[in-house]
Amino acid sequence: MRSIQVIGIYAVLLGLGLICIPNTLLGIFNLEPTREPWIRVLGIIVSEIGYYYVTVAMKGSDAFFRASIFGRFWLFAVLIVMIVLGIAKPILLLLASIDAASAVWTWKTLGTEGTRQ
């Protein structure tokens, strides 16, 4: 399914960026640079999840596609709450919106076609 493949590639690239050039990416989002290893650990996890998405997009799994919709909406909701509570900067709404938009794309594709692309 194309929407899963696209979000997977996005996640792999974002993860690699967090591993290789974390402070550059943080700077783009107007976040403070860090020397802590956790941003790179996050990059490893994000790229790993992206790999799963790309792989399952090629093989197909409607159960995974549907589960990913919930996961991406969950990320969107939690980031919105963090922004409202002042825990996260509003710029993270951009990342949250990418996940929400891709979830809607997957949802509509599954709902209108009922099968994988």
PDB file of N, CA and C in Angstrom:
ATOM      1  N   MET A   1       0.856  -1.180   0.000  1.00  0.00           N
ATOM      2  CA  MET A   1       0.000   0.000   0.000  1.00  0.00           C
ATOM      3  C   MET A   1       0.897   1.236   0.000  1.00  0.00           C
ATOM      4  N   ARG A   2       0.611   2.117  -0.913  1.00  0.00           N
ATOM      5  CA  ARG A   2       1.471   3.279  -1.132  1.00  0.00           C
ATOM      6  C   ARG A   2       1.605   4.161   0.122  1.00  0.00           C
ATOM      7  N   SER A   3       0.524   4.420   0.847  1.00  0.00           N
ATOM      8  CA  SER A   3       0.607   5.306   2.019  1.00  0.00           C
ATOM      9  C   SER A   3       1.535   4.723   3.085  1.00  0.00           C
ATOM     10  N   ILE A   4       1.531   3.418   3.249  1.00  0.00           N
ATOM     11  CA  ILE A   4       2.407   2.768   4.227  1.00  0.00           C
ATOM     12  C   ILE A   4       3.854   2.852   3.761  1.00  0.00           C
ATOM     13  N   GLN A   5       4.069   2.650   2.476  1.00  0.00           N
ATOM     14  CA  GLN A   5       5.416   2.730   1.927  1.00  0.00           C
ATOM     15  C   GLN A   5       5.985   4.142   2.085  1.00  0.00           C
ATOM     16  N   VAL A   6       5.177   5.145   1.806  1.00  0.00           N
ATOM     17  CA  VAL A   6       5.640   6.537   1.904  1.00  0.00           C
ATOM     18  C   VAL A   6       5.984   6.894   3.348  1.00  0.00           C
ATOM     19  N   ILE A   7       5.107   6.567   4.298  1.00  0.00           N
ATOM     20  CA  ILE A   7       5.404   6.901   5.691  1.00  0.00           C
ATOM     21  C   ILE A   7       6.605   6.089   6.188  1.00  0.00           C
ATOM     22  N   GLY A   8       6.789   4.893   5.654  1.00  0.00           N
ATOM     23  CA  GLY A   8       7.953   4.090   6.011  1.00  0.00           C
ATOM     24  C   GLY A   8       9.250   4.721   5.535  1.00  0.00           C
ATOM     25  N   ILE A   9       9.267   5.174   4.305  1.00  0.00           N
ATOM     26  CA  ILE A   9      10.462   5.842   3.775  1.00  0.00           C
ATOM     27  C   ILE A   9      10.740   7.116   4.559  1.00  0.00           C
ATOM     28  N   TYR A  10       9.689   7.869   4.842  1.00  0.00           N
ATOM     29  CA  TYR A  10       9.834   9.083   5.664  1.00  0.00           C
ATOM     30  C   TYR A  10      10.462   8.742   7.019  1.00  0.00           C
ATOM     31  N   ALA A  11       9.976   7.676   7.662  1.00  0.00           N
ATOM     32  CA  ALA A  11      10.497   7.291   8.973  1.00  0.00           C
ATOM     33  C   ALA A  11      11.950   6.837   8.889  1.00  0.00           C
ATOM     34  N   VAL A  12      12.293   6.085   7.858  1.00  0.00           N
ATOM     35  CA  VAL A  12      13.685   5.652   7.690  1.00  0.00           C
ATOM     36  C   VAL A  12      14.591   6.874   7.534  1.00  0.00           C
ATOM     37  N   LEU A  13      14.181   7.812   6.686  1.00  0.00           N
ATOM     38  CA  LEU A  13      15.006   9.007   6.468  1.00  0.00           C
ATOM     39  C   LEU A  13      15.104   9.870   7.723  1.00  0.00           C
ATOM     40  N   LEU A  14      13.975  10.052   8.404  1.00  0.00           N
ATOM     41  CA  LEU A  14      13.996  10.820   9.648  1.00  0.00           C
ATOM     42  C   LEU A  14      14.897  10.138  10.674  1.00  0.00           C
ATOM     43  N   GLY A  15      14.760   8.826  10.806  1.00  0.00           N
ATOM     44  CA  GLY A  15      15.590   8.077  11.748  1.00  0.00           C
ATOM     45  C   GLY A  15      17.066   8.195  11.429  1.00  0.00           C
ATOM     46  N   LEU A  16      17.408   8.060  10.154  1.00  0.00           N
ATOM     47  CA  LEU A  16      18.819   8.193   9.761  1.00  0.00           C
ATOM     48  C   LEU A  16      19.333   9.597  10.059  1.00  0.00           C
ATOM     49  N   GLY A  17      18.473  10.589   9.831  1.00  0.00           N
ATOM     50  CA  GLY A  17      18.862  11.957  10.171  1.00  0.00           C
ATOM     51  C   GLY A  17      19.113  12.124  11.661  1.00  0.00           C
ATOM     52  N   LEU A  18      18.275  11.518  12.480  1.00  0.00           N
ATOM     53  CA  LEU A  18      18.460  11.614  13.935  1.00  0.00           C
ATOM     54  C   LEU A  18      19.718  10.876  14.389  1.00  0.00           C
ATOM     55  N   ILE A  19      20.095   9.844  13.659  1.00  0.00           N
ATOM     56  CA  ILE A  19      21.314   9.105  13.989  1.00  0.00           C
ATOM     57  C   ILE A  19      22.548   9.891  13.540  1.00  0.00           C
ATOM     58  N   CYS A  20      22.530  10.385  12.309  1.00  0.00           N
ATOM     59  CA  CYS A  20      23.725  10.972  11.704  1.00  0.00           C
ATOM     60  C   CYS A  20      23.899  12.471  11.945  1.00  0.00           C
ATOM     61  N   ILE A  21      22.808  13.210  11.903  1.00  0.00           N
ATOM     62  CA  ILE A  21      22.892  14.679  12.049  1.00  0.00           C
ATOM     63  C   ILE A  21      21.800  15.177  12.998  1.00  0.00           C
ATOM     64  N   PRO A  22      21.793  14.675  14.223  1.00  0.00           N
ATOM     65  CA  PRO A  22      20.690  15.015  15.125  1.00  0.00           C
ATOM     66  C   PRO A  22      20.554  16.508  15.406  1.00  0.00           C
ATOM     67  N   ASN A  23      21.648  17.186  15.626  1.00  0.00           N
ATOM     68  CA  ASN A  23      21.542  18.602  15.981  1.00  0.00           C
ATOM     69  C   ASN A  23      21.113  19.461  14.801  1.00  0.00           C
ATOM     70  N   THR A  24      21.420  19.038  13.586  1.00  0.00           N
ATOM     71  CA  THR A  24      20.928  19.745  12.406  1.00  0.00           C
ATOM     72  C   THR A  24      19.408  19.650  12.343  1.00  0.00           C
ATOM     73  N   LEU A  25      18.883  18.436  12.545  1.00  0.00           N
ATOM     74  CA  LEU A  25      17.428  18.271  12.538  1.00  0.00           C
ATOM     75  C   LEU A  25      16.784  19.015  13.699  1.00  0.00           C
ATOM     76  N   LEU A  26      17.373  18.938  14.858  1.00  0.00           N
ATOM     77  CA  LEU A  26      16.823  19.668  16.001  1.00  0.00           C
ATOM     78  C   LEU A  26      16.797  21.164  15.713  1.00  0.00           C
ATOM     79  N   GLY A  27      17.845  21.669  15.069  1.00  0.00           N
ATOM     80  CA  GLY A  27      17.909  23.086  14.721  1.00  0.00           C
ATOM     81  C   GLY A  27      16.814  23.491  13.748  1.00  0.00           C
ATOM     82  N   ILE A  28      16.511  22.621  12.787  1.00  0.00           N
ATOM     83  CA  ILE A  28      15.441  22.902  11.831  1.00  0.00           C
ATOM     84  C   ILE A  28      14.123  23.118  12.560  1.00  0.00           C
ATOM     85  N   PHE A  29      13.915  22.361  13.638  1.00  0.00           N
ATOM     86  CA  PHE A  29      12.681  22.467  14.418  1.00  0.00           C
ATOM     87  C   PHE A  29      12.822  23.433  15.587  1.00  0.00           C
ATOM     88  N   ASN A  30      13.887  24.235  15.552  1.00  0.00           N
ATOM     89  CA  ASN A  30      14.124  25.236  16.586  1.00  0.00           C
ATOM     90  C   ASN A  30      14.176  24.608  17.990  1.00  0.00           C
ATOM     91  N   LEU A  31      14.756  23.415  18.060  1.00  0.00           N
ATOM     92  CA  LEU A  31      14.936  22.729  19.341  1.00  0.00           C
ATOM     93  C   LEU A  31      16.408  22.784  19.723  1.00  0.00           C
ATOM     94  N   GLU A  32      16.674  22.719  20.999  1.00  0.00           N
ATOM     95  CA  GLU A  32      18.026  22.840  21.500  1.00  0.00           C
ATOM     96  C   GLU A  32      18.884  21.655  21.063  1.00  0.00           C
ATOM     97  N   PRO A  33      20.153  21.925  20.718  1.00  0.00           N
ATOM     98  CA  PRO A  33      21.054  20.826  20.388  1.00  0.00           C
ATOM     99  C   PRO A  33      21.321  19.967  21.626  1.00  0.00           C
ATOM    100  N   THR A  34      21.762  18.765  21.383  1.00  0.00           N
ATOM    101  CA  THR A  34      22.023  17.854  22.494  1.00  0.00           C
ATOM    102  C   THR A  34      23.284  17.058  22.243  1.00  0.00           C
ATOM    103  N   ARG A  35      23.894  16.625  23.330  1.00  0.00           N
ATOM    104  CA  ARG A  35      25.042  15.709  23.245  1.00  0.00           C
ATOM    105  C   ARG A  35      24.665  14.345  23.821  1.00  0.00           C
ATOM    106  N   GLU A  36      23.433  14.248  24.298  1.00  0.00           N
ATOM    107  CA  GLU A  36      22.943  12.992  24.861  1.00  0.00           C
ATOM    108  C   GLU A  36      22.767  11.957  23.750  1.00  0.00           C
ATOM    109  N   PRO A  37      22.962  10.683  24.070  1.00  0.00           N
ATOM    110  CA  PRO A  37      22.809   9.653  23.042  1.00  0.00           C
ATOM    111  C   PRO A  37      21.353   9.330  22.704  1.00  0.00           C
ATOM    112  N   TRP A  38      20.401   9.805  23.509  1.00  0.00           N
ATOM    113  CA  TRP A  38      19.006   9.386  23.350  1.00  0.00           C
ATOM    114  C   TRP A  38      18.388   9.794  22.034  1.00  0.00           C
ATOM    115  N   ILE A  39      18.817  10.912  21.477  1.00  0.00           N
ATOM    116  CA  ILE A  39      18.254  11.330  20.189  1.00  0.00           C
ATOM    117  C   ILE A  39      18.654  10.338  19.100  1.00  0.00           C
ATOM    118  N   ARG A  40      19.873   9.804  19.201  1.00  0.00           N
ATOM    119  CA  ARG A  40      20.323   8.791  18.235  1.00  0.00           C
ATOM    120  C   ARG A  40      19.620   7.454  18.481  1.00  0.00           C
ATOM    121  N   VAL A  41      19.380   7.125  19.746  1.00  0.00           N
ATOM    122  CA  VAL A  41      18.623   5.912  20.065  1.00  0.00           C
ATOM    123  C   VAL A  41      17.221   6.027  19.463  1.00  0.00           C
ATOM    124  N   LEU A  42      16.603   7.193  19.598  1.00  0.00           N
ATOM    125  CA  LEU A  42      15.301   7.432  18.982  1.00  0.00           C
ATOM    126  C   LEU A  42      15.388   7.260  17.471  1.00  0.00           C
ATOM    127  N   GLY A  43      16.458   7.766  16.876  1.00  0.00           N
ATOM    128  CA  GLY A  43      16.660   7.611  15.438  1.00  0.00           C
ATOM    129  C   GLY A  43      16.731   6.156  15.017  1.00  0.00           C
ATOM    130  N   ILE A  44      17.395   5.340  15.816  1.00  0.00           N
ATOM    131  CA  ILE A  44      17.483   3.908  15.531  1.00  0.00           C
ATOM    132  C   ILE A  44      16.081   3.302  15.546  1.00  0.00           C
ATOM    133  N   ILE A  45      15.304   3.639  16.559  1.00  0.00           N
ATOM    134  CA  ILE A  45      13.943   3.094  16.690  1.00  0.00           C
ATOM    135  C   ILE A  45      13.051   3.572  15.544  1.00  0.00           C
ATOM    136  N   VAL A  46      13.120   4.859  15.218  1.00  0.00           N
ATOM    137  CA  VAL A  46      12.289   5.409  14.143  1.00  0.00           C
ATOM    138  C   VAL A  46      12.657   4.769  12.807  1.00  0.00           C
ATOM    139  N   SER A  47      13.951   4.620  12.530  1.00  0.00           N
ATOM    140  CA  SER A  47      14.346   3.994  11.269  1.00  0.00           C
ATOM    141  C   SER A  47      13.964   2.519  11.235  1.00  0.00           C
ATOM    142  N   GLU A  48      14.036   1.844  12.369  1.00  0.00           N
ATOM    143  CA  GLU A  48      13.617   0.442  12.445  1.00  0.00           C
ATOM    144  C   GLU A  48      12.123   0.313  12.133  1.00  0.00           C
ATOM    145  N   ILE A  49      11.316   1.162  12.739  1.00  0.00           N
ATOM    146  CA  ILE A  49       9.878   1.135  12.473  1.00  0.00           C
ATOM    147  C   ILE A  49       9.606   1.454  10.999  1.00  0.00           C
ATOM    148  N   GLY A  50      10.348   2.405  10.455  1.00  0.00           N
ATOM    149  CA  GLY A  50      10.212   2.725   9.039  1.00  0.00           C
ATOM    150  C   GLY A  50      10.520   1.531   8.153  1.00  0.00           C
ATOM    151  N   TYR A  51      11.554   0.781   8.514  1.00  0.00           N
ATOM    152  CA  TYR A  51      11.897  -0.440   7.776  1.00  0.00           C
ATOM    153  C   TYR A  51      10.735  -1.428   7.814  1.00  0.00           C
ATOM    154  N   TYR A  52      10.116  -1.585   8.985  1.00  0.00           N
ATOM    155  CA  TYR A  52       8.956  -2.479   9.091  1.00  0.00           C
ATOM    156  C   TYR A  52       7.839  -2.027   8.154  1.00  0.00           C
ATOM    157  N   TYR A  53       7.591  -0.730   8.131  1.00  0.00           N
ATOM    158  CA  TYR A  53       6.530  -0.193   7.280  1.00  0.00           C
ATOM    159  C   TYR A  53       6.817  -0.479   5.810  1.00  0.00           C
ATOM    160  N   VAL A  54       8.042  -0.204   5.368  1.00  0.00           N
ATOM    161  CA  VAL A  54       8.395  -0.424   3.968  1.00  0.00           C
ATOM    162  C   VAL A  54       8.274  -1.902   3.619  1.00  0.00           C
ATOM    163  N   THR A  55       8.754  -2.760   4.501  1.00  0.00           N
ATOM    164  CA  THR A  55       8.700  -4.200   4.248  1.00  0.00           C
ATOM    165  C   THR A  55       7.268  -4.703   4.163  1.00  0.00           C
ATOM    166  N   VAL A  56       6.432  -4.314   5.113  1.00  0.00           N
ATOM    167  CA  VAL A  56       5.049  -4.797   5.108  1.00  0.00           C
ATOM    168  C   VAL A  56       4.252  -4.161   3.970  1.00  0.00           C
ATOM    169  N   ALA A  57       4.630  -2.981   3.532  1.00  0.00           N
ATOM    170  CA  ALA A  57       3.951  -2.363   2.389  1.00  0.00           C
ATOM    171  C   ALA A  57       4.165  -3.205   1.133  1.00  0.00           C
ATOM    172  N   MET A  58       5.339  -3.798   1.013  1.00  0.00           N
ATOM    173  CA  MET A  58       5.627  -4.634  -0.155  1.00  0.00           C
ATOM    174  C   MET A  58       4.945  -5.997  -0.052  1.00  0.00           C
ATOM    175  N   LYS A  59       4.836  -6.527   1.154  1.00  0.00           N
ATOM    176  CA  LYS A  59       4.262  -7.862   1.361  1.00  0.00           C
ATOM    177  C   LYS A  59       2.747  -7.821   1.519  1.00  0.00           C
ATOM    178  N   GLY A  60       2.249  -6.771   2.158  1.00  0.00           N
ATOM    179  CA  GLY A  60       0.811  -6.617   2.365  1.00  0.00           C
ATOM    180  C   GLY A  60       0.319  -7.264   3.640  1.00  0.00           C
ATOM    181  N   SER A  61      -0.418  -6.496   4.408  1.00  0.00           N
ATOM    182  CA  SER A  61      -1.058  -6.985   5.624  1.00  0.00           C
ATOM    183  C   SER A  61      -2.106  -5.973   6.054  1.00  0.00           C
ATOM    184  N   ASP A  62      -3.357  -6.242   5.717  1.00  0.00           N
ATOM    185  CA  ASP A  62      -4.414  -5.312   6.087  1.00  0.00           C
ATOM    186  C   ASP A  62      -4.483  -5.108   7.602  1.00  0.00           C
ATOM    187  N   ALA A  63      -4.179  -6.151   8.371  1.00  0.00           N
ATOM    188  CA  ALA A  63      -4.196  -6.017   9.838  1.00  0.00           C
ATOM    189  C   ALA A  63      -3.154  -4.990  10.282  1.00  0.00           C
ATOM    190  N   PHE A  64      -1.972  -5.052   9.702  1.00  0.00           N
ATOM    191  CA  PHE A  64      -0.935  -4.070  10.037  1.00  0.00           C
ATOM    192  C   PHE A  64      -1.356  -2.683   9.581  1.00  0.00           C
ATOM    193  N   PHE A  65      -1.898  -2.594   8.360  1.00  0.00           N
ATOM    194  CA  PHE A  65      -2.308  -1.295   7.842  1.00  0.00           C
ATOM    195  C   PHE A  65      -3.311  -0.638   8.788  1.00  0.00           C
ATOM    196  N   ARG A  66      -4.291  -1.411   9.233  1.00  0.00           N
ATOM    197  CA  ARG A  66      -5.305  -0.873  10.149  1.00  0.00           C
ATOM    198  C   ARG A  66      -4.702  -0.507  11.505  1.00  0.00           C
ATOM    199  N   ALA A  67      -3.825  -1.348  12.022  1.00  0.00           N
ATOM    200  CA  ALA A  67      -3.178  -1.053  13.309  1.00  0.00           C
ATOM    201  C   ALA A  67      -2.327   0.207  13.217  1.00  0.00           C
ATOM    202  N   SER A  68      -1.689   0.420  12.075  1.00  0.00           N
ATOM    203  CA  SER A  68      -0.838   1.601  11.916  1.00  0.00           C
ATOM    204  C   SER A  68      -1.646   2.891  11.937  1.00  0.00           C
ATOM    205  N   ILE A  69      -2.892   2.818  11.501  1.00  0.00           N
ATOM    206  CA  ILE A  69      -3.754   4.013  11.544  1.00  0.00           C
ATOM    207  C   ILE A  69      -3.919   4.464  12.985  1.00  0.00           C
ATOM    208  N   PHE A  70      -4.251   3.527  13.865  1.00  0.00           N
ATOM    209  CA  PHE A  70      -4.392   3.870  15.281  1.00  0.00           C
ATOM    210  C   PHE A  70      -3.082   4.421  15.833  1.00  0.00           C
ATOM    211  N   GLY A  71      -1.971   3.771  15.517  1.00  0.00           N
ATOM    212  CA  GLY A  71      -0.672   4.207  16.035  1.00  0.00           C
ATOM    213  C   GLY A  71      -0.310   5.615  15.621  1.00  0.00           C
ATOM    214  N   ARG A  72      -0.586   5.943  14.375  1.00  0.00           N
ATOM    215  CA  ARG A  72      -0.247   7.287  13.899  1.00  0.00           C
ATOM    216  C   ARG A  72      -1.185   8.344  14.482  1.00  0.00           C
ATOM    217  N   PHE A  73      -2.460   8.001  14.659  1.00  0.00           N
ATOM    218  CA  PHE A  73      -3.367   8.935  15.337  1.00  0.00           C
ATOM    219  C   PHE A  73      -2.984   9.085  16.818  1.00  0.00           C
ATOM    220  N   TRP A  74      -2.525   8.016  17.432  1.00  0.00           N
ATOM    221  CA  TRP A  74      -2.067   8.068  18.827  1.00  0.00           C
ATOM    222  C   TRP A  74      -0.894   9.035  18.945  1.00  0.00           C
ATOM    223  N   LEU A  75       0.079   8.931  18.059  1.00  0.00           N
ATOM    224  CA  LEU A  75       1.220   9.840  18.082  1.00  0.00           C
ATOM    225  C   LEU A  75       0.738  11.280  17.930  1.00  0.00           C
ATOM    226  N   PHE A  76      -0.174  11.519  16.983  1.00  0.00           N
ATOM    227  CA  PHE A  76      -0.728  12.848  16.761  1.00  0.00           C
ATOM    228  C   PHE A  76      -1.364  13.388  18.045  1.00  0.00           C
ATOM    229  N   ALA A  77      -2.224  12.585  18.683  1.00  0.00           N
ATOM    230  CA  ALA A  77      -2.941  13.016  19.887  1.00  0.00           C
ATOM    231  C   ALA A  77      -1.981  13.321  21.031  1.00  0.00           C
ATOM    232  N   VAL A  78      -1.004  12.456  21.248  1.00  0.00           N
ATOM    233  CA  VAL A  78      -0.068  12.664  22.360  1.00  0.00           C
ATOM    234  C   VAL A  78       0.782  13.905  22.125  1.00  0.00           C
ATOM    235  N   LEU A  79       1.227  14.113  20.900  1.00  0.00           N
ATOM    236  CA  LEU A  79       2.010  15.320  20.627  1.00  0.00           C
ATOM    237  C   LEU A  79       1.171  16.579  20.814  1.00  0.00           C
ATOM    238  N   ILE A  80      -0.091  16.550  20.424  1.00  0.00           N
ATOM    239  CA  ILE A  80      -0.975  17.703  20.634  1.00  0.00           C
ATOM    240  C   ILE A  80      -1.116  17.986  22.132  1.00  0.00           C
ATOM    241  N   VAL A  81      -1.338  16.956  22.917  1.00  0.00           N
ATOM    242  CA  VAL A  81      -1.451  17.129  24.372  1.00  0.00           C
ATOM    243  C   VAL A  81      -0.163  17.713  24.926  1.00  0.00           C
ATOM    244  N   MET A  82       0.984  17.190  24.476  1.00  0.00           N
ATOM    245  CA  MET A  82       2.266  17.712  24.970  1.00  0.00           C
ATOM    246  C   MET A  82       2.447  19.185  24.603  1.00  0.00           C
ATOM    247  N   ILE A  83       2.005  19.579  23.415  1.00  0.00           N
ATOM    248  CA  ILE A  83       2.102  20.975  22.998  1.00  0.00           C
ATOM    249  C   ILE A  83       1.181  21.837  23.855  1.00  0.00           C
ATOM    250  N   VAL A  84      -0.053  21.396  24.052  1.00  0.00           N
ATOM    251  CA  VAL A  84      -1.020  22.156  24.859  1.00  0.00           C
ATOM    252  C   VAL A  84      -0.527  22.320  26.295  1.00  0.00           C
ATOM    253  N   LEU A  85       0.094  21.284  26.841  1.00  0.00           N
ATOM    254  CA  LEU A  85       0.604  21.343  28.216  1.00  0.00           C
ATOM    255  C   LEU A  85       1.927  22.088  28.340  1.00  0.00           C
ATOM    256  N   GLY A  86       2.493  22.499  27.212  1.00  0.00           N
ATOM    257  CA  GLY A  86       3.757  23.232  27.246  1.00  0.00           C
ATOM    258  C   GLY A  86       4.969  22.338  27.408  1.00  0.00           C
ATOM    259  N   ILE A  87       4.803  21.046  27.244  1.00  0.00           N
ATOM    260  CA  ILE A  87       5.914  20.102  27.363  1.00  0.00           C
ATOM    261  C   ILE A  87       6.734  20.095  26.073  1.00  0.00           C
ATOM    262  N   ALA A  88       6.065  20.304  24.947  1.00  0.00           N
ATOM    263  CA  ALA A  88       6.723  20.294  23.645  1.00  0.00           C
ATOM    264  C   ALA A  88       6.444  21.606  22.925  1.00  0.00           C
ATOM    265  N   LYS A  89       7.350  21.964  22.031  1.00  0.00           N
ATOM    266  CA  LYS A  89       7.187  23.191  21.257  1.00  0.00           C
ATOM    267  C   LYS A  89       6.160  22.985  20.140  1.00  0.00           C
ATOM    268  N   PRO A  90       5.432  24.030  19.788  1.00  0.00           N
ATOM    269  CA  PRO A  90       4.409  23.934  18.741  1.00  0.00           C
ATOM    270  C   PRO A  90       4.937  23.450  17.386  1.00  0.00           C
ATOM    271  N   ILE A  91       6.225  23.610  17.107  1.00  0.00           N
ATOM    272  CA  ILE A  91       6.783  23.158  15.833  1.00  0.00           C
ATOM    273  C   ILE A  91       6.576  21.654  15.642  1.00  0.00           C
ATOM    274  N   LEU A  92       6.439  20.914  16.745  1.00  0.00           N
ATOM    275  CA  LEU A  92       6.218  19.473  16.627  1.00  0.00           C
ATOM    276  C   LEU A  92       4.858  19.149  16.019  1.00  0.00           C
ATOM    277  N   LEU A  93       4.008  20.171  15.909  1.00  0.00           N
ATOM    278  CA  LEU A  93       2.735  19.985  15.211  1.00  0.00           C
ATOM    279  C   LEU A  93       2.982  19.577  13.754  1.00  0.00           C
ATOM    280  N   LEU A  94       4.097  20.027  13.184  1.00  0.00           N
ATOM    281  CA  LEU A  94       4.441  19.635  11.818  1.00  0.00           C
ATOM    282  C   LEU A  94       4.629  18.121  11.736  1.00  0.00           C
ATOM    283  N   LEU A  95       5.411  17.547  12.651  1.00  0.00           N
ATOM    284  CA  LEU A  95       5.613  16.093  12.660  1.00  0.00           C
ATOM    285  C   LEU A  95       4.308  15.369  12.942  1.00  0.00           C
ATOM    286  N   ALA A  96       3.541  15.891  13.887  1.00  0.00           N
ATOM    287  CA  ALA A  96       2.260  15.272  14.235  1.00  0.00           C
ATOM    288  C   ALA A  96       1.321  15.280  13.024  1.00  0.00           C
ATOM    289  N   SER A  97       1.330  16.360  12.272  1.00  0.00           N
ATOM    290  CA  SER A  97       0.448  16.487  11.111  1.00  0.00           C
ATOM    291  C   SER A  97       0.818  15.511  10.001  1.00  0.00           C
ATOM    292  N   ILE A  98       2.104  15.259   9.827  1.00  0.00           N
ATOM    293  CA  ILE A  98       2.539  14.287   8.819  1.00  0.00           C
ATOM    294  C   ILE A  98       1.985  12.913   9.169  1.00  0.00           C
ATOM    295  N   ASP A  99       2.086  12.524  10.425  1.00  0.00           N
ATOM    296  CA  ASP A  99       1.556  11.225  10.830  1.00  0.00           C
ATOM    297  C   ASP A  99       0.041  11.164  10.697  1.00  0.00           C
ATOM    298  N   ALA A 100      -0.645  12.220  11.102  1.00  0.00           N
ATOM    299  CA  ALA A 100      -2.111  12.234  11.003  1.00  0.00           C
ATOM    300  C   ALA A 100      -2.553  12.182   9.542  1.00  0.00           C
ATOM    301  N   ALA A 101      -1.900  12.961   8.694  1.00  0.00           N
ATOM    302  CA  ALA A 101      -2.264  12.962   7.271  1.00  0.00           C
ATOM    303  C   ALA A 101      -2.037  11.597   6.638  1.00  0.00           C
ATOM    304  N   SER A 102      -0.935  10.957   6.997  1.00  0.00           N
ATOM    305  CA  SER A 102      -0.676   9.633   6.420  1.00  0.00           C
ATOM    306  C   SER A 102      -1.666   8.600   6.958  1.00  0.00           C
ATOM    307  N   ALA A 103      -2.104   8.755   8.192  1.00  0.00           N
ATOM    308  CA  ALA A 103      -3.112   7.847   8.754  1.00  0.00           C
ATOM    309  C   ALA A 103      -4.444   8.011   8.025  1.00  0.00           C
ATOM    310  N   VAL A 104      -4.817   9.253   7.750  1.00  0.00           N
ATOM    311  CA  VAL A 104      -6.055   9.508   7.016  1.00  0.00           C
ATOM    312  C   VAL A 104      -5.954   8.916   5.612  1.00  0.00           C
ATOM    313  N   TRP A 105      -4.806   9.066   4.977  1.00  0.00           N
ATOM    314  CA  TRP A 105      -4.588   8.512   3.642  1.00  0.00           C
ATOM    315  C   TRP A 105      -4.781   6.989   3.657  1.00  0.00           C
ATOM    316  N   THR A 106      -4.155   6.319   4.625  1.00  0.00           N
ATOM    317  CA  THR A 106      -4.295   4.864   4.740  1.00  0.00           C
ATOM    318  C   THR A 106      -5.745   4.485   5.013  1.00  0.00           C
ATOM    319  N   TRP A 107      -6.380   5.190   5.939  1.00  0.00           N
ATOM    320  CA  TRP A 107      -7.773   4.911   6.319  1.00  0.00           C
ATOM    321  C   TRP A 107      -8.696   5.032   5.102  1.00  0.00           C
ATOM    322  N   LYS A 108      -8.538   6.126   4.349  1.00  0.00           N
ATOM    323  CA  LYS A 108      -9.380   6.331   3.173  1.00  0.00           C
ATOM    324  C   LYS A 108      -9.112   5.263   2.114  1.00  0.00           C
ATOM    325  N   THR A 109      -7.869   4.913   1.932  1.00  0.00           N
ATOM    326  CA  THR A 109      -7.528   3.892   0.950  1.00  0.00           C
ATOM    327  C   THR A 109      -8.158   2.558   1.329  1.00  0.00           C
ATOM    328  N   LEU A 110      -8.052   2.176   2.584  1.00  0.00           N
ATOM    329  CA  LEU A 110      -8.656   0.922   3.034  1.00  0.00           C
ATOM    330  C   LEU A 110     -10.175   0.983   2.960  1.00  0.00           C
ATOM    331  N   GLY A 111     -10.737   2.136   3.295  1.00  0.00           N
ATOM    332  CA  GLY A 111     -12.186   2.276   3.309  1.00  0.00           C
ATOM    333  C   GLY A 111     -12.811   2.323   1.935  1.00  0.00           C
ATOM    334  N   THR A 112     -12.135   2.965   0.980  1.00  0.00           N
ATOM    335  CA  THR A 112     -12.731   3.126  -0.344  1.00  0.00           C
ATOM    336  C   THR A 112     -12.456   1.937  -1.251  1.00  0.00           C
ATOM    337  N   GLU A 113     -11.303   1.315  -1.065  1.00  0.00           N
ATOM    338  CA  GLU A 113     -10.967   0.205  -1.943  1.00  0.00           C
ATOM    339  C   GLU A 113     -11.169  -1.140  -1.277  1.00  0.00           C
ATOM    340  N   GLY A 114     -11.016  -1.164   0.046  1.00  0.00           N
ATOM    341  CA  GLY A 114     -11.191  -2.413   0.770  1.00  0.00           C
ATOM    342  C   GLY A 114     -10.081  -3.419   0.547  1.00  0.00           C
ATOM    343  N   THR A 115      -9.131  -3.063  -0.310  1.00  0.00           N
ATOM    344  CA  THR A 115      -8.010  -3.965  -0.564  1.00  0.00           C
ATOM    345  C   THR A 115      -6.729  -3.151  -0.617  1.00  0.00           C
ATOM    346  N   ARG A 116      -5.640  -3.860  -0.651  1.00  0.00           N
ATOM    347  CA  ARG A 116      -4.337  -3.201  -0.717  1.00  0.00           C
ATOM    348  C   ARG A 116      -4.082  -2.680  -2.124  1.00  0.00           C
ATOM    349  N   GLN A 117      -3.256  -1.608  -2.179  1.00  0.00           N
ATOM    350  CA  GLN A 117      -2.791  -1.105  -3.480  1.00  0.00           C
ATOM    351  C   GLN A 117      -1.514  -1.804  -3.838  1.00  0.00           C
TER     352      GLN A 117
END
